[in-house]
């Protein structure tokens, strides 16, 4: 959805990449490693890959395994400020470019009745940190410091910059003159 908003013509591939966290791996290193592995697993003229996680005090929260896990994650985030961290990788002409974006997100104290309501919507299972700000869980977010599109899953400014460095200038049609 976010990439389409930029007017990019693209195809989606879902590479098979082991997304397990390595021992003592910090969240920034984790998303950089996973996004790079995704980009390198796909063949194309220009390959864009990204990976997003939620981090609270250095603990990485990816997608929950089930609804009970989603509830545990959301209770951990309740009333606290966490980071949404996205690693972006662009592979082209034998080069790999990387970027990382961190956004601070403040959650309200989420009461059990609100948590039960949100979990009943089924919106939490396919999202890092068990929530999507663009949906009903936006009601849990009291403030964002940084990139809003990053919290949705793809930081647009940084993505456009990496694509420009790879020869795709989104502000103009076609490939740019410099690479």
Protein backbone atom coordinates (compact mmCIF):
# COMPACT_ATOMS: atom_id res chain seq x y z
CA UNK A 1 0.00 0.00 0.00
CA UNK A 2 2.73 2.50 0.94
CA UNK A 3 4.88 1.73 -2.08
CA UNK A 4 1.86 2.06 -4.36
CA UNK A 5 1.24 5.54 -2.90
CA UNK A 6 4.61 6.56 -4.32
CA UNK A 7 3.53 5.48 -7.80
CA UNK A 8 6.09 2.69 -8.02
CA UNK A 9 5.46 -0.18 -10.44
CA UNK A 10 6.52 -3.31 -8.57
CA UNK A 11 6.03 -7.02 -8.09
CA UNK A 12 5.84 -8.70 -4.70
CA UNK A 13 7.97 -11.71 -3.85
CA UNK A 14 8.01 -13.42 -0.48
CA UNK A 15 11.45 -15.01 -0.09
CA UNK A 16 12.05 -17.82 2.34
CA UNK A 17 14.30 -16.24 4.97
CA UNK A 18 14.95 -17.46 8.50
CA UNK A 19 13.81 -14.56 10.67
CA UNK A 20 15.06 -16.01 13.95
CA UNK A 21 16.87 -13.57 16.19
CA UNK A 22 20.53 -14.36 16.83
CA UNK A 23 21.82 -14.48 20.44
CA UNK A 24 22.47 -10.97 21.80
CA UNK A 25 21.43 -9.38 18.50
CA UNK A 26 20.15 -5.85 18.98
CA UNK A 27 16.98 -4.74 17.16
CA UNK A 28 18.79 -2.52 14.63
CA UNK A 29 21.21 -5.25 13.65
CA UNK A 30 18.33 -7.72 13.46
CA UNK A 31 16.21 -5.74 10.98
CA UNK A 32 19.28 -4.87 8.91
CA UNK A 33 20.27 -8.54 8.67
CA UNK A 34 16.76 -9.73 7.80
CA UNK A 35 16.03 -7.00 5.23
CA UNK A 36 19.41 -7.66 3.57
CA UNK A 37 18.76 -11.40 3.46
CA UNK A 38 15.35 -10.77 1.89
CA UNK A 39 16.83 -8.48 -0.77
CA UNK A 40 19.59 -10.96 -1.60
CA UNK A 41 17.10 -13.83 -1.89
CA UNK A 42 15.28 -12.20 -4.83
CA UNK A 43 16.58 -11.65 -8.35
CA UNK A 44 15.70 -8.45 -10.18
CA UNK A 45 17.06 -5.21 -11.60
CA UNK A 46 16.30 -3.37 -8.37
CA UNK A 47 15.11 -5.28 -5.32
CA UNK A 48 13.67 -3.48 -2.31
CA UNK A 49 13.21 -5.37 0.95
CA UNK A 50 12.27 -4.30 4.44
CA UNK A 51 11.77 -5.79 7.86
CA UNK A 52 10.10 -4.14 10.83
CA UNK A 53 10.14 -5.00 14.50
CA UNK A 54 8.90 -3.42 17.69
CA UNK A 55 11.41 -3.03 20.50
CA UNK A 56 10.88 -2.29 24.17
CA UNK A 57 14.00 -1.98 26.31
CA UNK A 58 16.00 -3.99 23.75
CA UNK A 59 13.50 -6.85 23.54
CA UNK A 60 12.35 -7.56 19.99
CA UNK A 61 8.65 -8.13 19.37
CA UNK A 62 7.87 -9.54 15.96
CA UNK A 63 4.57 -10.98 14.81
CA UNK A 64 2.75 -12.88 17.57
CA UNK A 65 2.43 -16.64 17.28
CA UNK A 66 -1.22 -16.65 18.38
CA UNK A 67 -3.87 -14.48 20.06
CA UNK A 68 -2.58 -15.22 23.57
CA UNK A 69 0.92 -14.13 22.53
CA UNK A 70 -0.59 -10.97 21.00
CA UNK A 71 -2.26 -10.19 24.34
CA UNK A 72 1.04 -10.64 26.22
CA UNK A 73 2.84 -8.29 23.79
CA UNK A 74 0.17 -5.60 23.96
CA UNK A 75 0.15 -5.75 27.78
CA UNK A 76 3.94 -5.25 27.72
CA UNK A 77 3.57 -2.18 25.47
CA UNK A 78 0.66 -0.70 27.44
CA UNK A 79 1.47 2.65 29.05
CA UNK A 80 5.03 2.66 27.69
CA UNK A 81 7.07 4.16 24.88
CA UNK A 82 8.54 1.64 22.46
CA UNK A 83 10.47 1.84 19.22
CA UNK A 84 9.37 0.69 15.79
CA UNK A 85 12.52 -0.15 13.87
CA UNK A 86 12.65 -0.87 10.14
CA UNK A 87 15.61 -2.06 8.14
CA UNK A 88 15.49 -1.26 4.43
CA UNK A 89 17.70 -2.92 1.82
CA UNK A 90 18.00 -2.16 -1.90
CA UNK A 91 19.97 -4.48 -4.15
CA UNK A 92 20.94 -3.41 -7.67
CA UNK A 93 23.81 -4.01 -10.09
CA UNK A 94 25.71 -6.10 -7.51
CA UNK A 95 25.38 -3.43 -4.81
CA UNK A 96 23.47 -3.61 -1.56
CA UNK A 97 22.35 -0.41 0.17
CA UNK A 98 20.95 -0.40 3.69
CA UNK A 99 19.03 2.02 5.82
CA UNK A 100 17.45 1.89 9.25
CA UNK A 101 14.68 4.02 10.72
CA UNK A 102 13.60 4.22 14.35
CA UNK A 103 10.35 5.79 15.49
CA UNK A 104 9.26 6.28 19.10
CA UNK A 105 5.63 5.31 19.77
CA UNK A 106 3.83 6.11 23.03
CA UNK A 107 0.98 3.82 24.08
CA UNK A 108 -1.79 4.78 26.48
CA UNK A 109 -2.56 2.47 29.39
CA UNK A 110 -4.68 -0.11 27.59
CA UNK A 111 -7.39 -1.49 29.86
CA UNK A 112 -8.37 -5.14 29.60
CA UNK A 113 -11.76 -4.36 28.03
CA UNK A 114 -10.10 -2.34 25.25
CA UNK A 115 -7.52 -5.07 24.77
CA UNK A 116 -10.25 -7.73 24.53
CA UNK A 117 -12.09 -5.59 21.97
CA UNK A 118 -8.97 -5.13 19.83
CA UNK A 119 -7.97 -8.79 19.99
CA UNK A 120 -11.50 -9.81 18.94
CA UNK A 121 -10.99 -7.91 15.66
CA UNK A 122 -8.28 -10.37 14.56
CA UNK A 123 -6.02 -7.52 13.45
CA UNK A 124 -3.03 -8.34 15.65
CA UNK A 125 -1.62 -11.62 14.33
CA UNK A 126 0.14 -10.43 11.17
CA UNK A 127 1.83 -7.34 12.59
CA UNK A 128 5.07 -6.74 14.44
CA UNK A 129 4.26 -5.83 18.03
CA UNK A 130 0.74 -7.25 17.58
CA UNK A 131 -0.73 -3.95 16.36
CA UNK A 132 -1.21 -1.82 13.28
CA UNK A 133 -1.40 1.93 13.81
CA UNK A 134 -3.40 2.30 10.59
CA UNK A 135 -6.23 0.24 12.10
CA UNK A 136 -8.17 0.15 15.32
CA UNK A 137 -5.00 -0.01 17.45
CA UNK A 138 -4.35 3.58 16.44
CA UNK A 139 -6.62 4.34 19.42
CA UNK A 140 -3.84 3.06 21.71
CA UNK A 141 -1.20 5.49 20.38
CA UNK A 142 -0.95 8.79 22.22
CA UNK A 143 2.12 10.13 20.36
CA UNK A 144 4.61 9.33 17.61
CA UNK A 145 8.09 10.80 17.41
CA UNK A 146 9.51 10.16 13.96
CA UNK A 147 8.26 8.59 10.75
CA UNK A 148 4.56 7.73 10.71
CA UNK A 149 4.97 5.55 7.61
CA UNK A 150 7.69 3.61 9.43
CA UNK A 151 5.15 2.57 12.06
CA UNK A 152 2.91 1.29 9.26
CA UNK A 153 5.84 -0.74 7.92
CA UNK A 154 7.86 1.20 5.34
CA UNK A 155 9.53 4.57 5.98
CA UNK A 156 8.78 6.41 2.75
CA UNK A 157 11.39 9.19 2.89
CA UNK A 158 14.26 6.80 3.51
CA UNK A 159 12.93 4.26 1.01
CA UNK A 160 12.69 6.94 -1.70
CA UNK A 161 16.26 8.05 -0.90
CA UNK A 162 17.67 4.51 -1.17
CA UNK A 163 15.80 3.90 -4.42
CA UNK A 164 17.17 7.20 -5.78
CA UNK A 165 20.68 6.03 -4.86
CA UNK A 166 19.91 2.85 -6.82
CA UNK A 167 18.94 4.92 -9.87
CA UNK A 168 15.19 5.17 -9.40
CA UNK A 169 14.14 8.74 -8.74
CA UNK A 170 10.51 8.64 -7.65
CA UNK A 171 10.16 12.37 -8.16
CA UNK A 172 10.75 11.86 -11.89
CA UNK A 173 9.70 9.15 -14.31
CA UNK A 174 12.07 6.34 -15.17
CA UNK A 175 15.63 5.84 -13.95
CA UNK A 176 17.76 8.79 -13.00
CA UNK A 177 20.95 9.72 -14.85
CA UNK A 178 23.24 8.91 -11.93
CA UNK A 179 23.88 5.63 -10.17
